[in-house]
Amino acid sequence: MVTQAGYNQLRAGEVDIIISELASNLIKHADTGEFIYRLCKENDNKAIELFCIDGGPGTDNITRMMKDGASSSNTLGHGLGALDRLSDVFQIYSKKDWGTIAYTKKYMNAISEKYVPVKSPVQIKTLQSCIPGEVVCGDGYFVKETGAETQIFVGDGLGHGKHAHEAVQTAIRAFIECQEDSPIAILRYIHQRVKKTRGLVATIAIFNHNSKQWRIGGIGNIATRLYLGLISKNYMSYNGIIGLNIPTTMNDTFITDDKNQNIIMCSDGIKTRWDLSQYPSLLRHDPSIIAAALYKDYARRTDDMTVLVGKVNM
């Protein structure tokens, strides 16, 4: 995949080592686990992102395990240190008797040691997987910056497979072209443009950078929560199916942001009874790690699965 994307021999070889180390750890330490990977683009630079999620014994002292020479399986103990050195981005989260999540990103083109990623007002990461056996996903998401706003769309086409994928992709195109700044107004706009599809459910969350305020509107069962620390607020969507039938009367919900707030949005491929308090220090990590932890414990695997996590940086 990375070779076809244009990675040179050296950097493709480093990706190979990263994957070998992750796979080795998975086999040595865990009874169950999986890889999730994708190519993405960031500031005109391609990157491969890798999640290694395992249900092994885990540890409460990941700092010690990151040091060269530390091992729990009578090996040289260089694996995690090598992963950190070879990756452009590397984070790991582990909990004793729960398992471990390792997240790594490797860019196609080398980045300067002085490189500092541009911080968006809302740092957003998403983990998405289609139902096992399908090759396209019926869930979809899109994030766009419009002046002083960050607009987030998360949708789930009815069912799964090709027709669900077509419905949600049609909705995303409508979301991109819509000039409204009200979530409910955008949903009404999308509703008109997806009527020839099988329909979908969706939620739109808009963060205003100046007023530090969220506006949220949703139709159907996209679960949305705002977290300040471990205190959460649930958003309740309206009943209906976009493209088929939606309520006549709907209003945006306004929520004032508190500093360092997190938004989490999940399709119904993720069970809803999750609680971040069971993951010590998880909120200190990259949103990708938070998304992977929820996926690990709450993915139904009987439907398409999406977890979007956004951290306010303002």
C-alpha atoms as a PDB file:
ATOM      1  CA  MET A   1       0.000   0.000   0.000  1.00  0.00           C
ATOM      2  CA  VAL A   2       2.689   2.509   0.952  1.00  0.00           C
ATOM      3  CA  THR A   3       4.822   1.608  -2.053  1.00  0.00           C
ATOM      4  CA  GLN A   4       1.900   2.213  -4.391  1.00  0.00           C
ATOM      5  CA  ALA A   5       1.267   5.513  -2.590  1.00  0.00           C
ATOM      6  CA  GLY A   6       4.784   6.688  -3.460  1.00  0.00           C
ATOM      7  CA  TYR A   7       6.869   5.956  -0.348  1.00  0.00           C
ATOM      8  CA  ASN A   8      10.560   5.537  -1.142  1.00  0.00           C
ATOM      9  CA  GLN A   9      12.393   2.308  -0.319  1.00  0.00           C
ATOM     10  CA  LEU A  10      13.818   3.595   2.967  1.00  0.00           C
ATOM     11  CA  ARG A  11      10.558   4.863   4.430  1.00  0.00           C
ATOM     12  CA  ALA A  12       8.584   1.855   3.156  1.00  0.00           C
ATOM     13  CA  GLY A  13      11.183  -0.330   4.888  1.00  0.00           C
ATOM     14  CA  GLU A  14      10.677   1.598   8.121  1.00  0.00           C
ATOM     15  CA  VAL A  15       6.921   1.026   7.848  1.00  0.00           C
ATOM     16  CA  ASP A  16       7.715  -2.676   7.426  1.00  0.00           C
ATOM     17  CA  ILE A  17       9.733  -2.673  10.670  1.00  0.00           C
ATOM     18  CA  ILE A  18       6.969  -0.821  12.543  1.00  0.00           C
ATOM     19  CA  ILE A  19       4.384  -3.388  11.435  1.00  0.00           C
ATOM     20  CA  SER A  20       6.718  -6.290  12.280  1.00  0.00           C
ATOM     21  CA  GLU A  21       7.287  -4.954  15.795  1.00  0.00           C
ATOM     22  CA  LEU A  22       3.577  -4.390  16.391  1.00  0.00           C
ATOM     23  CA  ALA A  23       2.689  -7.852  15.079  1.00  0.00           C
ATOM     24  CA  SER A  24       5.422  -9.420  17.205  1.00  0.00           C
ATOM     25  CA  ASN A  25       4.086  -7.749  20.349  1.00  0.00           C
ATOM     26  CA  LEU A  26       0.551  -8.815  19.472  1.00  0.00           C
ATOM     27  CA  ILE A  27       1.556 -12.479  19.078  1.00  0.00           C
ATOM     28  CA  LYS A  28       3.801 -12.581  22.164  1.00  0.00           C
ATOM     29  CA  HIS A  29       1.547 -10.827  24.639  1.00  0.00           C
ATOM     30  CA  ALA A  30      -2.102 -11.046  23.577  1.00  0.00           C
ATOM     31  CA  ASP A  31      -4.700 -13.736  23.035  1.00  0.00           C
ATOM     32  CA  THR A  32      -6.819 -11.462  20.858  1.00  0.00           C
ATOM     33  CA  GLY A  33      -6.180  -8.343  18.822  1.00  0.00           C
ATOM     34  CA  GLU A  34      -6.395  -6.614  15.485  1.00  0.00           C
ATOM     35  CA  PHE A  35      -4.760  -4.109  13.165  1.00  0.00           C
ATOM     36  CA  ILE A  36      -6.644  -1.190  11.682  1.00  0.00           C
ATOM     37  CA  TYR A  37      -4.791   0.866   9.090  1.00  0.00           C
ATOM     38  CA  ARG A  38      -5.405   3.538   6.491  1.00  0.00           C
ATOM     39  CA  LEU A  39      -3.710   6.037   4.242  1.00  0.00           C
ATOM     40  CA  CYS A  40      -4.528   9.680   4.825  1.00  0.00           C
ATOM     41  CA  LYS A  41      -3.314  13.099   3.735  1.00  0.00           C
ATOM     42  CA  GLU A  42      -2.142  15.888   5.998  1.00  0.00           C
ATOM     43  CA  ASN A  43      -0.815  19.245   4.787  1.00  0.00           C
ATOM     44  CA  ASP A  44      -0.046  17.799   1.309  1.00  0.00           C
ATOM     45  CA  ASN A  45       1.911  14.941   2.862  1.00  0.00           C
ATOM     46  CA  LYS A  46       0.550  11.398   2.731  1.00  0.00           C
ATOM     47  CA  ALA A  47       0.717   9.271   5.861  1.00  0.00           C
ATOM     48  CA  ILE A  48      -0.128   5.753   6.936  1.00  0.00           C
ATOM     49  CA  GLU A  49      -1.888   5.417  10.284  1.00  0.00           C
ATOM     50  CA  LEU A  50      -1.799   2.125  12.186  1.00  0.00           C
ATOM     51  CA  PHE A  51      -3.795   1.033  15.212  1.00  0.00           C
ATOM     52  CA  CYS A  52      -2.709  -2.120  17.019  1.00  0.00           C
ATOM     53  CA  ILE A  53      -5.424  -3.069  19.510  1.00  0.00           C
ATOM     54  CA  ASP A  54      -4.945  -6.070  21.782  1.00  0.00           C
ATOM     55  CA  GLY A  55      -6.738  -7.771  24.638  1.00  0.00           C
ATOM     56  CA  GLY A  56      -3.572  -8.922  26.382  1.00  0.00           C
ATOM     57  CA  PRO A  57      -2.506  -8.509  30.020  1.00  0.00           C
ATOM     58  CA  GLY A  58      -1.640  -4.826  29.629  1.00  0.00           C
ATOM     59  CA  THR A  59       0.444  -2.847  32.119  1.00  0.00           C
ATOM     60  CA  ASP A  60       0.069   0.074  34.487  1.00  0.00           C
ATOM     61  CA  ASN A  61       3.686   1.133  33.900  1.00  0.00           C
ATOM     62  CA  ILE A  62       3.999   1.811  30.184  1.00  0.00           C
ATOM     63  CA  THR A  63       6.771   4.362  30.832  1.00  0.00           C
ATOM     64  CA  ARG A  64       9.102   1.593  32.036  1.00  0.00           C
ATOM     65  CA  MET A  65       8.218  -0.630  29.068  1.00  0.00           C
ATOM     66  CA  MET A  66       9.174   2.175  26.650  1.00  0.00           C
ATOM     67  CA  LYS A  67      12.791   2.045  27.876  1.00  0.00           C
ATOM     68  CA  ASP A  68      15.219  -0.101  25.870  1.00  0.00           C
ATOM     69  CA  GLY A  69      16.015  -3.277  27.760  1.00  0.00           C
ATOM     70  CA  ALA A  70      12.647  -3.557  29.482  1.00  0.00           C
ATOM     71  CA  SER A  71      10.762  -6.732  28.550  1.00  0.00           C
ATOM     72  CA  SER A  72       8.019  -8.907  29.963  1.00  0.00           C
ATOM     73  CA  SER A  73       8.724 -11.867  27.667  1.00  0.00           C
ATOM     74  CA  ASN A  74      12.490 -12.502  27.953  1.00  0.00           C
ATOM     75  CA  THR A  75      13.370 -10.584  24.767  1.00  0.00           C
ATOM     76  CA  LEU A  76      15.878  -7.767  24.257  1.00  0.00           C
ATOM     77  CA  GLY A  77      13.158  -5.226  25.018  1.00  0.00           C
ATOM     78  CA  HIS A  78      13.923  -2.842  22.153  1.00  0.00           C
ATOM     79  CA  GLY A  79      10.520  -3.049  20.423  1.00  0.00           C
ATOM     80  CA  LEU A  80       8.578  -0.128  21.899  1.00  0.00           C
ATOM     81  CA  GLY A  81      11.621   2.143  21.820  1.00  0.00           C
ATOM     82  CA  ALA A  82      12.175   1.283  18.159  1.00  0.00           C
ATOM     83  CA  LEU A  83       8.525   2.017  17.381  1.00  0.00           C
ATOM     84  CA  ASP A  84       8.842   5.428  19.003  1.00  0.00           C
ATOM     85  CA  ARG A  85      12.038   6.254  17.092  1.00  0.00           C
ATOM     86  CA  LEU A  86      10.810   5.065  13.680  1.00  0.00           C
ATOM     87  CA  SER A  87       7.338   6.637  13.868  1.00  0.00           C
ATOM     88  CA  ASP A  88       6.635  10.275  13.120  1.00  0.00           C
ATOM     89  CA  VAL A  89       3.809  10.056  15.672  1.00  0.00           C
ATOM     90  CA  PHE A  90       3.609   7.322  18.305  1.00  0.00           C
ATOM     91  CA  GLN A  91       1.305   6.955  21.292  1.00  0.00           C
ATOM     92  CA  ILE A  92       0.491   3.988  23.454  1.00  0.00           C
ATOM     93  CA  TYR A  93      -2.167   3.395  26.090  1.00  0.00           C
ATOM     94  CA  SER A  94      -2.294   0.361  28.340  1.00  0.00           C
ATOM     95  CA  LYS A  95      -4.220  -0.777  31.381  1.00  0.00           C
ATOM     96  CA  LYS A  96      -3.485  -3.833  33.488  1.00  0.00           C
ATOM     97  CA  ASP A  97      -5.823  -6.774  32.773  1.00  0.00           C
ATOM     98  CA  TRP A  98      -7.410  -4.812  29.908  1.00  0.00           C
ATOM     99  CA  GLY A  99      -4.944  -4.653  27.051  1.00  0.00           C
ATOM    100  CA  THR A 100      -2.934  -2.169  25.024  1.00  0.00           C
ATOM    101  CA  ILE A 101      -3.522   0.250  22.138  1.00  0.00           C
ATOM    102  CA  ALA A 102      -0.584   1.433  20.051  1.00  0.00           C
ATOM    103  CA  TYR A 103      -1.076   4.209  17.501  1.00  0.00           C
ATOM    104  CA  THR A 104       1.580   5.157  14.983  1.00  0.00           C
ATOM    105  CA  LYS A 105       1.769   7.465  11.994  1.00  0.00           C
ATOM    106  CA  LYS A 106       4.478   7.488   9.317  1.00  0.00           C
ATOM    107  CA  TYR A 107       4.557  10.231   6.690  1.00  0.00           C
ATOM    108  CA  MET A 108       5.547   9.584   3.091  1.00  0.00           C
ATOM    109  CA  ASN A 109       7.959  12.541   3.066  1.00  0.00           C
ATOM    110  CA  ALA A 110      10.311  13.080   5.992  1.00  0.00           C
ATOM    111  CA  ILE A 111       9.390  15.970   8.242  1.00  0.00           C
ATOM    112  CA  SER A 112      11.807  18.381   9.869  1.00  0.00           C
ATOM    113  CA  GLU A 113      12.815  17.805  13.486  1.00  0.00           C
ATOM    114  CA  LYS A 114      11.533  21.330  14.076  1.00  0.00           C
ATOM    115  CA  TYR A 115       8.178  20.453  12.522  1.00  0.00           C
ATOM    116  CA  VAL A 116       5.292  21.499  14.750  1.00  0.00           C
ATOM    117  CA  PRO A 117       1.841  20.401  13.501  1.00  0.00           C
ATOM    118  CA  VAL A 118      -0.584  23.277  13.002  1.00  0.00           C
ATOM    119  CA  LYS A 119      -3.172  23.027  15.762  1.00  0.00           C
ATOM    120  CA  SER A 120      -6.729  23.317  14.582  1.00  0.00           C
ATOM    121  CA  PRO A 121      -9.250  24.913  16.961  1.00  0.00           C
ATOM    122  CA  VAL A 122     -10.758  21.446  17.263  1.00  0.00           C
ATOM    123  CA  GLN A 123      -8.405  18.471  16.878  1.00  0.00           C
ATOM    124  CA  ILE A 124     -10.488  15.699  15.325  1.00  0.00           C
ATOM    125  CA  LYS A 125      -9.608  12.041  14.812  1.00  0.00           C
ATOM    126  CA  THR A 126     -11.834   9.223  13.639  1.00  0.00           C
ATOM    127  CA  LEU A 127     -11.678   5.449  13.662  1.00  0.00           C
ATOM    128  CA  GLN A 128     -14.023   3.823  11.166  1.00  0.00           C
ATOM    129  CA  SER A 129     -14.498   0.238  10.022  1.00  0.00           C
ATOM    130  CA  CYS A 130     -17.139  -1.406   7.886  1.00  0.00           C
ATOM    131  CA  ILE A 131     -19.016  -4.495   9.003  1.00  0.00           C
ATOM    132  CA  PRO A 132     -16.843  -7.611   8.537  1.00  0.00           C
ATOM    133  CA  GLY A 133     -17.297  -8.971   5.015  1.00  0.00           C
ATOM    134  CA  GLU A 134     -18.075  -5.641   3.340  1.00  0.00           C
ATOM    135  CA  VAL A 135     -15.618  -3.663   1.221  1.00  0.00           C
ATOM    136  CA  VAL A 136     -17.330  -0.260   1.553  1.00  0.00           C
ATOM    137  CA  CYS A 137     -18.603   1.488   4.656  1.00  0.00           C
ATOM    138  CA  GLY A 138     -22.159   2.724   5.095  1.00  0.00           C
ATOM    139  CA  ASP A 139     -20.996   5.217   7.724  1.00  0.00           C
ATOM    140  CA  GLY A 140     -19.390   8.514   6.760  1.00  0.00           C
ATOM    141  CA  TYR A 141     -17.945  11.650   8.296  1.00  0.00           C
ATOM    142  CA  PHE A 142     -16.599  14.975   7.118  1.00  0.00           C
ATOM    143  CA  VAL A 143     -15.075  18.009   8.813  1.00  0.00           C
ATOM    144  CA  LYS A 144     -14.855  21.456   7.258  1.00  0.00           C
ATOM    145  CA  GLU A 145     -13.546  24.799   8.440  1.00  0.00           C
ATOM    146  CA  THR A 146     -15.705  27.760   7.397  1.00  0.00           C
ATOM    147  CA  GLY A 147     -14.302  31.055   8.623  1.00  0.00           C
ATOM    148  CA  ALA A 148     -14.720  31.055  12.380  1.00  0.00           C
ATOM    149  CA  GLU A 149     -16.417  27.663  12.559  1.00  0.00           C
ATOM    150  CA  THR A 150     -15.563  23.976  12.582  1.00  0.00           C
ATOM    151  CA  GLN A 151     -18.434  21.927  11.151  1.00  0.00           C
ATOM    152  CA  ILE A 152     -18.597  18.174  11.814  1.00  0.00           C
ATOM    153  CA  PHE A 153     -20.856  15.689  10.021  1.00  0.00           C
ATOM    154  CA  VAL A 154     -21.317  12.064  11.109  1.00  0.00           C
ATOM    155  CA  GLY A 155     -23.838   9.938   9.215  1.00  0.00           C
ATOM    156  CA  ASP A 156     -24.988   6.338   8.930  1.00  0.00           C
ATOM    157  CA  GLY A 157     -26.733   5.094   5.786  1.00  0.00           C
ATOM    158  CA  LEU A 158     -29.598   2.693   6.461  1.00  0.00           C
ATOM    159  CA  GLY A 159     -28.320  -0.861   6.560  1.00  0.00           C
ATOM    160  CA  HIS A 160     -24.818  -1.441   5.243  1.00  0.00           C
ATOM    161  CA  GLY A 161     -22.970  -2.130   2.010  1.00  0.00           C
ATOM    162  CA  LYS A 162     -23.161  -0.376  -1.348  1.00  0.00           C
ATOM    163  CA  HIS A 163     -26.525   1.386  -0.996  1.00  0.00           C
ATOM    164  CA  ALA A 164     -25.829   2.635   2.530  1.00  0.00           C
ATOM    165  CA  HIS A 165     -22.457   3.901   1.264  1.00  0.00           C
ATOM    166  CA  GLU A 166     -24.123   5.745  -1.615  1.00  0.00           C
ATOM    167  CA  ALA A 167     -26.621   7.391   0.755  1.00  0.00           C
ATOM    168  CA  VAL A 168     -24.006   8.692   3.179  1.00  0.00           C
ATOM    169  CA  GLN A 169     -21.634   9.836   0.422  1.00  0.00           C
ATOM    170  CA  THR A 170     -24.472  11.764  -1.238  1.00  0.00           C
ATOM    171  CA  ALA A 171     -25.156  13.380   2.130  1.00  0.00           C
ATOM    172  CA  ILE A 172     -21.487  14.326   2.536  1.00  0.00           C
ATOM    173  CA  ARG A 173     -21.455  16.015  -0.871  1.00  0.00           C
ATOM    174  CA  ALA A 174     -24.538  18.002   0.140  1.00  0.00           C
ATOM    175  CA  PHE A 175     -22.901  18.903   3.473  1.00  0.00           C
ATOM    176  CA  ILE A 176     -19.787  20.179   1.670  1.00  0.00           C
ATOM    177  CA  GLU A 177     -21.762  22.403  -0.710  1.00  0.00           C
ATOM    178  CA  CYS A 178     -24.262  23.737   1.843  1.00  0.00           C
ATOM    179  CA  GLN A 179     -23.631  27.327   2.937  1.00  0.00           C
ATOM    180  CA  GLU A 180     -25.917  27.303   5.996  1.00  0.00           C
ATOM    181  CA  ASP A 181     -24.450  27.705   9.474  1.00  0.00           C
ATOM    182  CA  SER A 182     -27.275  26.055  11.427  1.00  0.00           C
ATOM    183  CA  PRO A 183     -27.073  22.265  11.944  1.00  0.00           C
ATOM    184  CA  ILE A 184     -30.838  21.870  11.501  1.00  0.00           C
ATOM    185  CA  ALA A 185     -30.812  24.011   8.330  1.00  0.00           C
ATOM    186  CA  ILE A 186     -27.971  21.875   6.947  1.00  0.00           C
ATOM    187  CA  LEU A 187     -29.871  18.676   7.754  1.00  0.00           C
ATOM    188  CA  ARG A 188     -32.934  20.002   5.911  1.00  0.00           C
ATOM    189  CA  TYR A 189     -30.709  20.814   2.928  1.00  0.00           C
ATOM    190  CA  ILE A 190     -29.241  17.301   2.972  1.00  0.00           C
ATOM    191  CA  HIS A 191     -32.740  15.805   3.313  1.00  0.00           C
ATOM    192  CA  GLN A 192     -33.768  17.267  -0.051  1.00  0.00           C
ATOM    193  CA  ARG A 193     -30.681  15.907  -1.819  1.00  0.00           C
ATOM    194  CA  VAL A 194     -30.726  12.325  -0.580  1.00  0.00           C
ATOM    195  CA  LYS A 195     -34.354  11.514  -1.366  1.00  0.00           C
ATOM    196  CA  LYS A 196     -33.348   9.199  -4.220  1.00  0.00           C
ATOM    197  CA  THR A 197     -31.179   7.136  -1.839  1.00  0.00           C
ATOM    198  CA  ARG A 198     -32.261   4.705   0.856  1.00  0.00           C
ATOM    199  CA  GLY A 199     -31.767   7.447   3.471  1.00  0.00           C
ATOM    200  CA  LEU A 200     -29.604   7.880   6.534  1.00  0.00           C
ATOM    201  CA  VAL A 201     -29.355   9.197  10.072  1.00  0.00           C
ATOM    202  CA  ALA A 202     -26.894  11.973  10.879  1.00  0.00           C
ATOM    203  CA  THR A 203     -25.781  14.543  13.415  1.00  0.00           C
ATOM    204  CA  ILE A 204     -24.033  17.844  12.714  1.00  0.00           C
ATOM    205  CA  ALA A 205     -22.029  19.662  15.380  1.00  0.00           C
ATOM    206  CA  ILE A 206     -20.701  23.172  14.762  1.00  0.00           C
ATOM    207  CA  PHE A 207     -18.120  24.860  16.999  1.00  0.00           C
ATOM    208  CA  ASN A 208     -17.827  28.648  16.799  1.00  0.00           C
ATOM    209  CA  HIS A 209     -14.245  29.697  17.490  1.00  0.00           C
ATOM    210  CA  ASN A 210     -15.219  33.194  18.652  1.00  0.00           C
ATOM    211  CA  SER A 211     -18.204  32.526  20.892  1.00  0.00           C
ATOM    212  CA  LYS A 212     -16.755  29.172  22.080  1.00  0.00           C
ATOM    213  CA  GLN A 213     -20.186  27.663  21.603  1.00  0.00           C
ATOM    214  CA  TRP A 214     -21.413  24.377  20.136  1.00  0.00           C
ATOM    215  CA  ARG A 215     -24.563  24.095  18.044  1.00  0.00           C
ATOM    216  CA  ILE A 216     -25.796  20.554  17.483  1.00  0.00           C
ATOM    217  CA  GLY A 217     -28.609  19.069  15.432  1.00  0.00           C
ATOM    218  CA  GLY A 218     -29.282  15.420  14.734  1.00  0.00           C
ATOM    219  CA  ILE A 219     -31.864  13.050  13.282  1.00  0.00           C
ATOM    220  CA  GLY A 220     -31.629   9.397  14.235  1.00  0.00           C
ATOM    221  CA  ASN A 221     -29.295   7.370  16.391  1.00  0.00           C
ATOM    222  CA  ILE A 222     -25.872   8.987  16.173  1.00  0.00           C
ATOM    223  CA  ALA A 223     -24.742   9.126  19.817  1.00  0.00           C
ATOM    224  CA  THR A 224     -23.187  12.487  20.737  1.00  0.00           C
ATOM    225  CA  ARG A 225     -21.619  13.462  24.052  1.00  0.00           C
ATOM    226  CA  LEU A 226     -19.648  16.469  25.223  1.00  0.00           C
ATOM    227  CA  TYR A 227     -17.103  15.792  27.970  1.00  0.00           C
ATOM    228  CA  LEU A 228     -15.524  18.272  30.369  1.00  0.00           C
ATOM    229  CA  GLY A 229     -13.115  16.033  32.197  1.00  0.00           C
ATOM    230  CA  LEU A 230     -15.214  13.021  33.122  1.00  0.00           C
ATOM    231  CA  ILE A 231     -18.487  14.986  33.308  1.00  0.00           C
ATOM    232  CA  SER A 232     -20.576  14.454  30.189  1.00  0.00           C
ATOM    233  CA  LYS A 233     -23.610  15.990  28.506  1.00  0.00           C
ATOM    234  CA  ASN A 234     -25.674  13.876  26.137  1.00  0.00           C
ATOM    235  CA  TYR A 235     -27.289  15.329  23.034  1.00  0.00           C
ATOM    236  CA  MET A 236     -30.699  13.864  22.181  1.00  0.00           C
ATOM    237  CA  SER A 237     -31.433  13.614  18.456  1.00  0.00           C
ATOM    238  CA  TYR A 238     -34.821  13.915  16.775  1.00  0.00           C
ATOM    239  CA  ASN A 239     -36.580  10.810  15.476  1.00  0.00           C
ATOM    240  CA  GLY A 240     -36.717  10.320  11.707  1.00  0.00           C
ATOM    241  CA  ILE A 241     -34.809   9.245   8.607  1.00  0.00           C
ATOM    242  CA  ILE A 242     -33.084  11.851   6.461  1.00  0.00           C
ATOM    243  CA  GLY A 243     -34.315  11.493   2.892  1.00  0.00           C
ATOM    244  CA  LEU A 244     -37.553   9.802   3.916  1.00  0.00           C
ATOM    245  CA  ASN A 245     -39.260  11.556   6.843  1.00  0.00           C
ATOM    246  CA  ILE A 246     -38.005  14.216   9.227  1.00  0.00           C
ATOM    247  CA  PRO A 247     -39.824  16.277  11.886  1.00  0.00           C
ATOM    248  CA  THR A 248     -41.471  19.511  10.809  1.00  0.00           C
ATOM    249  CA  THR A 249     -40.312  21.393  13.898  1.00  0.00           C
ATOM    250  CA  MET A 250     -36.672  21.106  14.969  1.00  0.00           C
ATOM    251  CA  ASN A 251     -34.269  23.474  16.693  1.00  0.00           C
ATOM    252  CA  ASP A 252     -30.518  23.660  17.168  1.00  0.00           C
ATOM    253  CA  THR A 253     -29.195  22.835  20.622  1.00  0.00           C
ATOM    254  CA  PHE A 254     -26.703  25.378  21.994  1.00  0.00           C
ATOM    255  CA  ILE A 255     -23.992  24.277  24.432  1.00  0.00           C
ATOM    256  CA  THR A 256     -21.375  26.691  25.732  1.00  0.00           C
ATOM    257  CA  ASP A 257     -17.898  25.233  25.547  1.00  0.00           C
ATOM    258  CA  ASP A 258     -15.663  24.901  28.574  1.00  0.00           C
ATOM    259  CA  LYS A 259     -11.903  24.838  28.117  1.00  0.00           C
ATOM    260  CA  ASN A 260     -10.443  21.484  27.034  1.00  0.00           C
ATOM    261  CA  GLN A 261     -13.844  20.030  26.210  1.00  0.00           C
ATOM    262  CA  ASN A 262     -14.114  16.826  24.151  1.00  0.00           C
ATOM    263  CA  ILE A 263     -16.861  15.827  21.737  1.00  0.00           C
ATOM    264  CA  ILE A 264     -17.469  12.154  20.974  1.00  0.00           C
ATOM    265  CA  MET A 265     -19.797  11.014  18.209  1.00  0.00           C
ATOM    266  CA  CYS A 266     -20.559   7.346  17.440  1.00  0.00           C
ATOM    267  CA  SER A 267     -22.672   5.520  14.898  1.00  0.00           C
ATOM    268  CA  ASP A 268     -24.907   2.722  16.181  1.00  0.00           C
ATOM    269  CA  GLY A 269     -22.224   0.174  15.321  1.00  0.00           C
ATOM    270  CA  ILE A 270     -20.797   1.257  18.688  1.00  0.00           C
ATOM    271  CA  LYS A 271     -22.690   0.343  21.852  1.00  0.00           C
ATOM    272  CA  THR A 272     -23.833   3.379  23.792  1.00  0.00           C
ATOM    273  CA  ARG A 273     -23.206   2.381  27.407  1.00  0.00           C
ATOM    274  CA  TRP A 274     -19.589   3.565  27.524  1.00  0.00           C
ATOM    275  CA  ASP A 275     -18.076   5.608  30.319  1.00  0.00           C
ATOM    276  CA  LEU A 276     -14.668   7.287  30.055  1.00  0.00           C
ATOM    277  CA  SER A 277     -14.166   7.103  33.833  1.00  0.00           C
ATOM    278  CA  GLN A 278     -13.150   3.454  33.448  1.00  0.00           C
ATOM    279  CA  TYR A 279     -10.057   4.510  31.444  1.00  0.00           C
ATOM    280  CA  PRO A 280      -7.548   6.233  33.777  1.00  0.00           C
ATOM    281  CA  SER A 281      -5.717   9.191  32.138  1.00  0.00           C
ATOM    282  CA  LEU A 282      -7.185   8.362  28.705  1.00  0.00           C
ATOM    283  CA  LEU A 283      -8.213  11.975  28.038  1.00  0.00           C
ATOM    284  CA  ARG A 284      -4.548  13.031  28.119  1.00  0.00           C
ATOM    285  CA  HIS A 285      -3.930  11.039  24.950  1.00  0.00           C
ATOM    286  CA  ASP A 286      -4.428  11.804  21.286  1.00  0.00           C
ATOM    287  CA  PRO A 287      -8.088  11.594  20.164  1.00  0.00           C
ATOM    288  CA  SER A 288      -7.093   8.576  18.057  1.00  0.00           C
ATOM    289  CA  ILE A 289      -6.309   6.601  21.220  1.00  0.00           C
ATOM    290  CA  ILE A 290      -9.636   7.605  22.792  1.00  0.00           C
ATOM    291  CA  ALA A 291     -11.506   6.478  19.663  1.00  0.00           C
ATOM    292  CA  ALA A 292      -9.608   3.166  19.595  1.00  0.00           C
ATOM    293  CA  ALA A 293     -10.364   2.452  23.275  1.00  0.00           C
ATOM    294  CA  LEU A 294     -14.109   2.876  22.696  1.00  0.00           C
ATOM    295  CA  TYR A 295     -13.914   0.785  19.523  1.00  0.00           C
ATOM    296  CA  LYS A 296     -12.042  -1.974  21.363  1.00  0.00           C
ATOM    297  CA  ASP A 297     -14.648  -2.389  24.086  1.00  0.00           C
ATOM    298  CA  TYR A 298     -17.895  -1.361  22.405  1.00  0.00           C
ATOM    299  CA  ALA A 299     -17.758  -2.232  18.682  1.00  0.00           C
ATOM    300  CA  ARG A 300     -20.792  -4.394  17.846  1.00  0.00           C
ATOM    301  CA  ARG A 301     -19.163  -5.906  14.727  1.00  0.00           C
ATOM    302  CA  THR A 302     -22.641  -6.506  13.316  1.00  0.00           C
ATOM    303  CA  ASP A 303     -22.802  -3.100  11.587  1.00  0.00           C
ATOM    304  CA  ASP A 304     -20.517  -0.383  10.253  1.00  0.00           C
ATOM    305  CA  MET A 305     -18.634   1.288  13.097  1.00  0.00           C
ATOM    306  CA  THR A 306     -17.517   4.911  13.521  1.00  0.00           C
ATOM    307  CA  VAL A 307     -16.062   6.766  16.498  1.00  0.00           C
ATOM    308  CA  LEU A 308     -15.194  10.472  16.067  1.00  0.00           C
ATOM    309  CA  VAL A 309     -13.381  12.300  18.860  1.00  0.00           C
ATOM    310  CA  GLY A 310     -12.715  16.047  18.863  1.00  0.00           C
ATOM    311  CA  LYS A 311     -10.633  18.018  21.378  1.00  0.00           C
ATOM    312  CA  VAL A 312     -11.095  21.776  21.661  1.00  0.00           C
ATOM    313  CA  ASN A 313      -7.670  23.452  21.617  1.00  0.00           C
ATOM    314  CA  MET A 314      -8.819  27.005  22.338  1.00  0.00           C
END
